[in-house]
Amino acid sequence: MILASGEKVRHVTIRPWMTAAAAIFLAVFTLGYLAATGYLVLRDDLINATLARQNRMQRDYEDRISVLRAQLDRVTSRQMMDQQLIDQKVEKLLEQQNALFFRHGKLGDLYDRAAEVGLTAPPVSVKRAEDEREASLTEASDAILALLGKDETTLPDNVPTLAYAPLREGRSEQADRVFADMSQSLQLLEQNQLASIEALTVDASETASQIARIMKRTGIDVDALVNDDDTGLGGPFIEPEPLSDAFETSVEELDAALNRLETLRGTALTLPYGNPAPGKSITSRYGNRIDPFLGRLAFHAGIDFQASTGAKVVSTGAGTVIAAEYSGGYGNLVEIDHGHGITTRFGHLSKLLVKKGDRVSAGDVIGRAGTTGRSTGPHVHYEVRRHGQAVDPVHFLNAGMKLTSYLN
């Protein structure tokens, strides 16, 4: 391959290993793309399956509780158990069931929020499997029927025979064991919920920490971002409410972790972590270089991307256009304020497609590449400035590549 630029001629030989390397890179990229696509397709299915499973278990518990209450009414009419003891135990089970129903509603909202930030609630197994919990519920229902004086010939077809019916146990002892099994089954469901919440909390915290670590490398004050001291707070002092239970505490921790993750992701989407000329190579980097006009050392405040006249130039992050005009050596210039003291500049444009005051999102086309101003040929001059001082845009480009997996 022969490359000519003015009077300079360069020869590049494309060797077989280069072709092989390109083929390997293309294969790896394709596999990564397919893997990411598969994950995005299956993520919602996994969450929906988890929620459907929780709903199915909830309905089963409600049906079982209704059967138990009906059976207890017949026990009372035959004076085979102490009414007060049964009522107390049933009330306790109903409280547990209602608590689980209320918790399931809270978990649905949290699962939705987790899905929006790319997290999936994993199915978590506890000490006893689902079929064992179902067996425990069946045994409890059979025991109630036995307490009513029914033998196995009078049981409905869908209720199996009580396998452990005691021979010499009193009615009270049988009832205690039945309700103990029911309570244990509800506790196992609660453990499942807590384990799911804990797994999501850890996942959200780790993801947020990874995003924060990447953003810190570009000079973003993540601590001030998460702990915004500018928010107005106030109100009369009231003694705090006592902490409820482990579930409420876990939900609060998950909510806090999701809030932090959402804040970091939202900010990362506004900051200039994108590429102004996707697919174009860098022809001149940030820092000291030989000035193309004067032939002596000079400071280059940005990086240059190779681009033909009229090529698209896109915003690298969301923000507000604070300048869209001809500006001396920059030629046609677009400057965008991304907040947090970060601004970007795009110079030498042949055409401006935005105006001052416009709101832009990452990836929006803001102009066309050109060679206006102090330029030797068509290209895109790109700068990132923090509080007015130029910084190396490569740091933001590298951070953007690392953040891609966390923001998509």
Protein backbone atom coordinates (compact mmCIF):
# COMPACT_ATOMS: atom_id res chain seq x y z
CA MET A 1 0.00 0.00 0.00
CA ILE A 2 1.41 3.38 -1.00
CA LEU A 3 0.32 6.47 0.94
CA ALA A 4 1.10 9.89 -0.53
CA SER A 5 0.62 13.24 1.20
CA GLY A 6 2.04 16.17 -0.68
CA GLU A 7 5.63 15.39 -1.41
CA LYS A 8 5.80 12.64 1.18
CA VAL A 9 5.36 9.04 0.02
CA ARG A 10 5.12 6.12 2.44
CA HIS A 11 5.07 2.41 1.66
CA VAL A 12 3.17 -0.04 3.91
CA THR A 13 3.31 -3.77 3.34
CA ILE A 14 0.25 -5.75 4.43
CA ARG A 15 1.56 -9.10 5.64
CA PRO A 16 -0.37 -12.34 6.21
CA TRP A 17 -0.17 -11.99 9.98
CA MET A 18 -1.84 -8.60 9.72
CA THR A 19 -4.71 -10.12 7.76
CA ALA A 20 -4.97 -12.93 10.33
CA ALA A 21 -5.00 -10.45 13.20
CA ALA A 22 -7.77 -8.47 11.52
CA ALA A 23 -9.79 -11.64 11.01
CA ILE A 24 -9.33 -12.66 14.66
CA PHE A 25 -10.37 -9.19 15.82
CA LEU A 26 -13.48 -9.32 13.64
CA ALA A 27 -14.39 -12.78 15.01
CA VAL A 28 -13.93 -11.65 18.64
CA PHE A 29 -16.00 -8.50 17.98
CA THR A 30 -18.78 -10.60 16.39
CA LEU A 31 -18.85 -13.04 19.32
CA GLY A 32 -18.96 -10.14 21.79
CA TYR A 33 -21.80 -8.51 19.86
CA LEU A 34 -23.79 -11.77 19.80
CA ALA A 35 -23.17 -12.33 23.52
CA ALA A 36 -24.31 -8.80 24.39
CA THR A 37 -27.40 -9.17 22.19
CA GLY A 38 -28.26 -12.49 23.82
CA TYR A 39 -27.92 -10.94 27.26
CA LEU A 40 -30.21 -8.03 26.38
CA VAL A 41 -32.80 -10.39 24.89
CA LEU A 42 -32.79 -12.80 27.84
CA ARG A 43 -32.55 -10.20 30.63
CA ASP A 44 -36.23 -9.21 30.60
CA ASP A 45 -37.29 -12.87 30.29
CA LEU A 46 -35.30 -13.77 33.41
CA ILE A 47 -36.84 -10.92 35.40
CA ASN A 48 -40.36 -11.75 34.16
CA ALA A 49 -39.83 -15.42 35.01
CA THR A 50 -38.72 -14.51 38.54
CA LEU A 51 -41.74 -12.24 39.07
CA ALA A 52 -44.12 -14.84 37.61
CA ARG A 53 -42.69 -17.45 39.94
CA GLN A 54 -43.16 -15.17 42.92
CA ASN A 55 -46.77 -14.48 41.86
CA ARG A 56 -47.49 -18.18 41.44
CA MET A 57 -46.10 -18.99 44.88
CA GLN A 58 -48.09 -16.10 46.35
CA ARG A 59 -51.34 -17.42 44.88
CA ASP A 60 -50.57 -20.92 46.13
CA TYR A 61 -50.04 -19.63 49.64
CA GLU A 62 -53.30 -17.67 49.53
CA ASP A 63 -55.19 -20.76 48.35
CA ARG A 64 -53.65 -22.87 51.08
CA ILE A 65 -54.49 -20.32 53.76
CA SER A 66 -58.12 -20.22 52.55
CA VAL A 67 -58.34 -24.03 52.76
CA LEU A 68 -56.89 -23.97 56.27
CA ARG A 69 -59.40 -21.40 57.46
CA ALA A 70 -62.33 -23.42 56.06
CA GLN A 71 -61.06 -26.56 57.73
CA LEU A 72 -60.58 -24.74 61.02
CA ASP A 73 -64.23 -23.68 60.98
CA ARG A 74 -65.27 -27.33 60.82
CA VAL A 75 -62.83 -28.16 63.61
CA THR A 76 -64.52 -25.54 65.78
CA SER A 77 -68.04 -26.92 65.05
CA ARG A 78 -66.98 -30.39 66.15
CA GLN A 79 -65.17 -29.08 69.25
CA MET A 80 -62.00 -31.01 68.34
CA MET A 81 -59.59 -28.20 68.93
CA ASP A 82 -59.42 -25.15 71.07
CA GLN A 83 -60.95 -22.26 69.09
CA GLN A 84 -58.80 -19.59 70.65
CA LEU A 85 -55.56 -21.43 69.95
CA ILE A 86 -56.48 -22.04 66.30
CA ASP A 87 -57.52 -18.42 65.76
CA GLN A 88 -54.26 -17.16 67.18
CA LYS A 89 -52.20 -19.42 64.96
CA VAL A 90 -54.21 -18.65 61.85
CA GLU A 91 -53.92 -14.94 62.54
CA LYS A 92 -50.19 -15.29 62.79
CA LEU A 93 -50.02 -17.13 59.47
CA LEU A 94 -52.22 -14.50 57.84
CA GLU A 95 -49.95 -11.77 59.13
CA GLN A 96 -46.98 -13.57 57.63
CA GLN A 97 -48.82 -14.09 54.36
CA ASN A 98 -49.96 -10.46 54.19
CA ALA A 99 -46.45 -9.31 55.01
CA LEU A 100 -45.08 -11.42 52.17
CA PHE A 101 -47.73 -10.04 49.80
CA PHE A 102 -46.82 -6.48 50.76
CA ARG A 103 -43.14 -7.26 50.35
CA HIS A 104 -43.76 -8.77 46.95
CA GLY A 105 -45.26 -5.46 45.81
CA LYS A 106 -42.17 -3.60 46.95
CA LEU A 107 -39.91 -6.12 45.27
CA GLY A 108 -41.73 -5.66 41.96
CA ASP A 109 -40.86 -1.96 41.90
CA LEU A 110 -37.26 -2.65 42.86
CA TYR A 111 -36.91 -5.35 40.20
CA ASP A 112 -38.23 -2.90 37.59
CA ARG A 113 -35.70 -0.27 38.65
CA ALA A 114 -32.92 -2.86 38.63
CA ALA A 115 -33.89 -3.92 35.10
CA GLU A 116 -33.73 -0.29 33.92
CA VAL A 117 -30.10 -0.04 35.02
CA GLY A 118 -29.15 -3.38 33.49
CA LEU A 119 -29.37 -5.64 36.56
CA THR A 120 -31.18 -8.97 36.72
CA ALA A 121 -32.66 -10.46 39.86
CA PRO A 122 -31.07 -13.92 40.08
CA PRO A 123 -33.15 -16.92 41.15
CA VAL A 124 -31.77 -17.72 44.62
CA SER A 125 -32.13 -21.13 46.22
CA VAL A 126 -32.47 -21.50 49.98
CA LYS A 127 -32.18 -24.46 52.32
CA ARG A 128 -35.24 -26.24 50.97
CA ALA A 129 -36.13 -26.48 47.30
CA GLU A 130 -39.47 -25.39 45.87
CA ASP A 131 -40.82 -28.96 45.64
CA GLU A 132 -39.99 -29.48 49.33
CA ARG A 133 -41.92 -26.31 50.25
CA GLU A 134 -44.90 -27.57 48.23
CA ALA A 135 -44.65 -30.92 50.03
CA SER A 136 -44.64 -29.12 53.37
CA LEU A 137 -47.80 -27.22 52.44
CA THR A 138 -49.51 -30.44 51.29
CA GLU A 139 -48.64 -32.18 54.54
CA ALA A 140 -50.04 -29.25 56.52
CA SER A 141 -53.32 -29.37 54.60
CA ASP A 142 -53.57 -33.15 55.15
CA ALA A 143 -52.97 -32.73 58.86
CA ILE A 144 -55.86 -30.28 59.15
CA LEU A 145 -58.13 -32.78 57.41
CA ALA A 146 -56.98 -35.47 59.82
CA LEU A 147 -57.79 -33.22 62.75
CA LEU A 148 -61.34 -32.97 61.40
CA GLY A 149 -61.73 -36.72 61.73
CA LYS A 150 -61.67 -37.51 57.99
CA ASP A 151 -60.00 -40.65 56.77
CA GLU A 152 -58.15 -40.93 53.51
CA THR A 153 -61.20 -42.30 51.65
CA THR A 154 -63.07 -39.02 52.11
CA LEU A 155 -60.22 -36.76 51.04
CA PRO A 156 -60.43 -34.95 47.70
CA ASP A 157 -58.53 -36.48 44.81
CA ASN A 158 -56.03 -33.62 44.71
CA VAL A 159 -55.04 -34.03 48.41
CA PRO A 160 -52.53 -36.86 49.05
CA THR A 161 -52.68 -39.12 52.11
CA LEU A 162 -51.04 -37.77 55.28
CA ALA A 163 -47.78 -39.65 55.48
CA TYR A 164 -46.88 -38.84 59.06
CA ALA A 165 -50.30 -38.98 60.85
CA PRO A 166 -49.47 -39.67 64.52
CA LEU A 167 -51.09 -42.53 66.38
CA ARG A 168 -50.90 -41.27 69.95
CA GLU A 169 -50.40 -37.51 69.50
CA GLY A 170 -53.06 -35.22 70.89
CA ARG A 171 -54.99 -32.79 68.71
CA SER A 172 -53.11 -29.80 70.13
CA GLU A 173 -49.72 -31.33 69.38
CA GLN A 174 -50.80 -32.12 65.82
CA ALA A 175 -51.99 -28.53 65.31
CA ASP A 176 -48.74 -27.16 66.65
CA ARG A 177 -46.76 -29.23 64.21
CA VAL A 178 -49.00 -28.31 61.27
CA PHE A 179 -48.70 -24.59 61.87
CA ALA A 180 -44.99 -24.95 62.52
CA ASP A 181 -44.62 -26.46 59.03
CA MET A 182 -46.69 -23.67 57.48
CA SER A 183 -44.70 -21.03 59.30
CA GLN A 184 -41.46 -22.64 58.16
CA SER A 185 -42.63 -22.61 54.53
CA LEU A 186 -43.45 -18.90 54.77
CA GLN A 187 -40.09 -18.25 56.39
CA LEU A 188 -38.36 -20.06 53.53
CA LEU A 189 -40.09 -17.78 51.04
CA GLU A 190 -38.98 -14.79 53.08
CA GLN A 191 -35.42 -16.10 53.03
CA ASN A 192 -35.67 -16.40 49.25
CA GLN A 193 -36.79 -12.79 48.99
CA LEU A 194 -34.02 -11.58 51.29
CA ALA A 195 -31.41 -13.55 49.35
CA SER A 196 -32.62 -12.03 46.06
CA ILE A 197 -32.51 -8.53 47.53
CA GLU A 198 -29.03 -9.10 48.91
CA ALA A 199 -27.76 -10.39 45.55
CA LEU A 200 -29.22 -7.36 43.74
CA THR A 201 -27.77 -4.99 46.34
CA VAL A 202 -24.29 -6.46 45.93
CA ASP A 203 -24.59 -6.34 42.14
CA ALA A 204 -25.80 -2.71 42.16
CA SER A 205 -23.08 -1.66 44.60
CA GLU A 206 -20.32 -3.33 42.61
CA THR A 207 -21.56 -1.85 39.33
CA ALA A 208 -21.80 1.61 40.87
CA SER A 209 -18.29 1.24 42.29
CA GLN A 210 -16.92 0.26 38.88
CA ILE A 211 -18.58 3.26 37.21
CA ALA A 212 -17.36 5.58 39.98
CA ARG A 213 -13.80 4.25 39.67
CA ILE A 214 -13.78 4.90 35.92
CA MET A 215 -15.29 8.38 36.29
CA LYS A 216 -12.76 9.35 38.98
CA ARG A 217 -9.93 8.67 36.54
CA THR A 218 -11.31 11.47 34.37
CA GLY A 219 -11.32 13.92 37.27
CA ILE A 220 -15.04 13.76 38.15
CA ASP A 221 -15.77 14.38 41.84
CA VAL A 222 -17.94 11.30 42.34
CA ASP A 223 -18.28 11.79 46.11
CA ALA A 224 -19.76 15.25 45.64
CA LEU A 225 -21.98 13.89 42.90
CA VAL A 226 -23.50 11.13 45.05
CA ASN A 227 -23.65 13.25 48.21
CA ASP A 228 -25.08 16.45 46.74
CA ASP A 229 -24.81 19.08 49.44
CA ASP A 230 -26.77 21.58 47.35
CA THR A 231 -30.09 19.82 47.98
CA GLY A 232 -32.26 21.79 50.43
CA LEU A 233 -33.28 19.84 53.53
CA GLY A 234 -35.21 20.80 56.63
CA GLY A 235 -38.23 20.25 58.88
CA PRO A 236 -38.98 19.91 62.60
CA PHE A 237 -37.08 17.30 64.58
CA ILE A 238 -39.06 14.11 65.25
CA GLU A 239 -37.73 11.06 67.04
CA PRO A 240 -36.78 8.36 64.51
CA GLU A 241 -39.05 5.39 63.94
CA PRO A 242 -37.67 2.10 65.23
CA LEU A 243 -36.09 -0.15 62.64
CA SER A 244 -38.67 -2.65 61.41
CA ASP A 245 -37.17 -5.96 60.35
CA ALA A 246 -34.46 -7.47 58.21
CA PHE A 247 -36.59 -7.18 55.09
CA GLU A 248 -37.19 -3.44 55.48
CA THR A 249 -33.51 -2.89 56.20
CA SER A 250 -32.53 -4.89 53.11
CA VAL A 251 -35.01 -2.99 50.94
CA GLU A 252 -33.61 0.33 52.17
CA GLU A 253 -30.07 -0.83 51.39
CA LEU A 254 -31.11 -1.96 47.90
CA ASP A 255 -32.95 1.32 47.32
CA ALA A 256 -29.86 3.28 48.34
CA ALA A 257 -27.63 1.15 46.10
CA LEU A 258 -29.98 1.64 43.14
CA ASN A 259 -30.18 5.39 43.80
CA ARG A 260 -26.39 5.63 43.72
CA LEU A 261 -26.16 3.53 40.57
CA GLU A 262 -28.89 5.57 38.83
CA THR A 263 -27.16 8.83 39.76
CA LEU A 264 -23.80 7.67 38.46
CA ARG A 265 -25.26 6.23 35.24
CA GLY A 266 -27.29 9.38 34.61
CA THR A 267 -24.24 11.57 35.05
CA ALA A 268 -22.03 9.31 32.93
CA LEU A 269 -24.55 9.58 30.09
CA THR A 270 -24.25 13.37 30.11
CA LEU A 271 -20.45 13.59 30.28
CA PRO A 272 -18.34 13.46 27.07
CA TYR A 273 -17.39 9.78 27.07
CA GLY A 274 -18.28 9.29 23.39
CA ASN A 275 -16.29 9.62 20.17
CA PRO A 276 -16.83 12.77 18.05
CA ALA A 277 -15.85 10.97 14.83
CA PRO A 278 -16.72 7.27 15.22
CA GLY A 279 -14.55 4.99 13.15
CA LYS A 280 -12.02 7.72 12.31
CA SER A 281 -8.36 7.45 13.25
CA ILE A 282 -6.48 9.97 15.39
CA THR A 283 -3.92 11.95 13.39
CA SER A 284 -2.59 14.27 16.09
CA ARG A 285 -2.67 13.79 19.86
CA TYR A 286 -2.90 16.10 22.85
CA GLY A 287 0.28 17.82 24.05
CA ASN A 288 3.38 19.41 22.55
CA ARG A 289 3.96 18.90 18.82
CA ILE A 290 5.62 20.59 15.86
CA ASP A 291 3.33 23.36 14.65
CA PRO A 292 2.33 22.60 11.01
CA PHE A 293 2.51 26.30 10.06
CA LEU A 294 5.49 27.60 12.05
CA GLY A 295 7.57 24.42 12.13
CA ARG A 296 8.44 24.83 15.81
CA LEU A 297 7.26 23.24 19.05
CA ALA A 298 3.74 24.26 20.13
CA PHE A 299 1.06 22.95 22.48
CA HIS A 300 -1.92 21.13 20.97
CA ALA A 301 -4.93 21.46 23.32
CA GLY A 302 -6.93 18.60 21.82
CA ILE A 303 -6.78 15.69 19.42
CA ASP A 304 -7.39 15.60 15.67
CA PHE A 305 -9.44 12.95 13.89
CA GLN A 306 -8.99 12.19 10.21
CA ALA A 307 -12.24 13.05 8.41
CA SER A 308 -13.20 14.09 4.92
CA THR A 309 -15.08 17.32 4.31
CA GLY A 310 -18.77 16.89 5.12
CA ALA A 311 -18.32 13.89 7.43
CA LYS A 312 -20.62 13.77 10.44
CA VAL A 313 -19.38 15.20 13.74
CA VAL A 314 -21.39 14.07 16.77
CA SER A 315 -21.72 15.24 20.34
CA THR A 316 -19.78 13.07 22.78
CA GLY A 317 -22.27 13.65 25.62
CA ALA A 318 -25.50 15.39 26.54
CA GLY A 319 -25.41 19.10 27.25
CA THR A 320 -26.19 22.65 26.15
CA VAL A 321 -24.57 24.39 23.18
CA ILE A 322 -22.85 27.52 24.53
CA ALA A 323 -21.14 28.53 21.27
CA ALA A 324 -21.79 27.83 17.59
CA GLU A 325 -19.88 30.39 15.54
CA TYR A 326 -16.71 31.21 13.66
CA SER A 327 -13.88 31.58 16.19
CA GLY A 328 -10.45 32.53 14.83
CA GLY A 329 -8.05 29.63 14.57
CA TYR A 330 -10.83 27.15 15.41
CA GLY A 331 -12.75 28.16 12.30
CA ASN A 332 -16.38 27.12 12.68
CA LEU A 333 -16.61 26.07 16.32
CA VAL A 334 -19.23 24.29 18.44
CA GLU A 335 -18.77 24.31 22.21
CA ILE A 336 -21.01 22.25 24.53
CA ASP A 337 -21.41 22.52 28.30
CA HIS A 338 -21.95 19.10 29.90
CA GLY A 339 -22.19 20.31 33.49
CA HIS A 340 -19.84 19.53 36.37
CA GLY A 341 -17.37 22.03 34.89
CA ILE A 342 -16.84 19.93 31.72
CA THR A 343 -17.06 21.45 28.22
CA THR A 344 -16.12 20.15 24.77
CA ARG A 345 -15.03 21.97 21.62
CA PHE A 346 -15.32 20.85 17.99
CA GLY A 347 -13.27 22.93 15.54
CA HIS A 348 -12.62 23.44 11.82
CA LEU A 349 -16.20 22.46 10.91
CA SER A 350 -17.40 23.09 7.37
CA LYS A 351 -21.01 23.45 8.54
CA LEU A 352 -22.74 24.15 11.87
CA LEU A 353 -25.95 22.16 12.49
CA VAL A 354 -26.76 23.56 15.96
CA LYS A 355 -27.08 27.00 17.47
CA LYS A 356 -26.35 28.50 20.86
CA GLY A 357 -28.80 27.37 23.53
CA ASP A 358 -29.71 24.06 21.86
CA ARG A 359 -29.90 20.93 24.02
CA VAL A 360 -28.09 17.95 22.51
CA SER A 361 -27.77 14.30 23.47
CA ALA A 362 -24.83 11.98 23.08
CA GLY A 363 -24.53 10.95 19.44
CA ASP A 364 -26.45 13.90 18.00
CA VAL A 365 -24.94 15.31 14.80
CA ILE A 366 -23.79 18.87 15.54
CA GLY A 367 -21.82 19.71 12.39
CA ARG A 368 -19.82 18.58 9.40
CA ALA A 369 -16.06 18.11 9.25
CA GLY A 370 -14.06 20.63 7.29
CA THR A 371 -10.89 22.72 7.17
CA THR A 372 -12.02 26.19 8.27
CA GLY A 373 -9.74 28.32 10.43
CA ARG A 374 -6.10 27.47 11.07
CA SER A 375 -6.04 24.08 9.37
CA THR A 376 -3.91 22.30 6.78
CA GLY A 377 -6.68 19.95 5.62
CA PRO A 378 -10.09 18.52 6.49
CA HIS A 379 -10.24 16.94 9.95
CA VAL A 380 -12.05 17.21 13.30
CA HIS A 381 -10.32 19.07 16.12
CA TYR A 382 -11.74 17.93 19.48
CA GLU A 383 -11.06 19.34 22.94
CA VAL A 384 -12.25 18.52 26.46
CA ARG A 385 -11.95 21.25 29.09
CA ARG A 386 -12.42 21.07 32.84
CA HIS A 387 -13.19 24.45 34.42
CA GLY A 388 -11.76 26.12 31.34
CA GLN A 389 -8.47 24.18 31.33
CA ALA A 390 -7.74 21.75 28.51
CA VAL A 391 -7.31 18.09 29.48
CA ASP A 392 -6.36 15.09 27.38
CA PRO A 393 -9.52 13.85 25.61
CA VAL A 394 -8.03 10.36 25.31
CA HIS A 395 -8.75 9.82 29.03
CA PHE A 396 -12.44 10.39 28.35
CA LEU A 397 -12.40 8.21 25.23
CA ASN A 398 -10.79 5.34 27.15
CA ALA A 399 -13.24 5.77 30.02
CA GLY A 400 -16.13 5.73 27.53
CA MET A 401 -15.04 2.39 26.13
CA LYS A 402 -14.87 0.92 29.65
CA LEU A 403 -18.27 2.37 30.60
CA THR A 404 -20.02 0.96 27.54
CA SER A 405 -20.84 -2.36 29.23
CA TYR A 406 -22.32 -0.56 32.26
CA LEU A 407 -24.41 2.04 30.38
CA ASN A 408 -26.04 -0.07 27.66
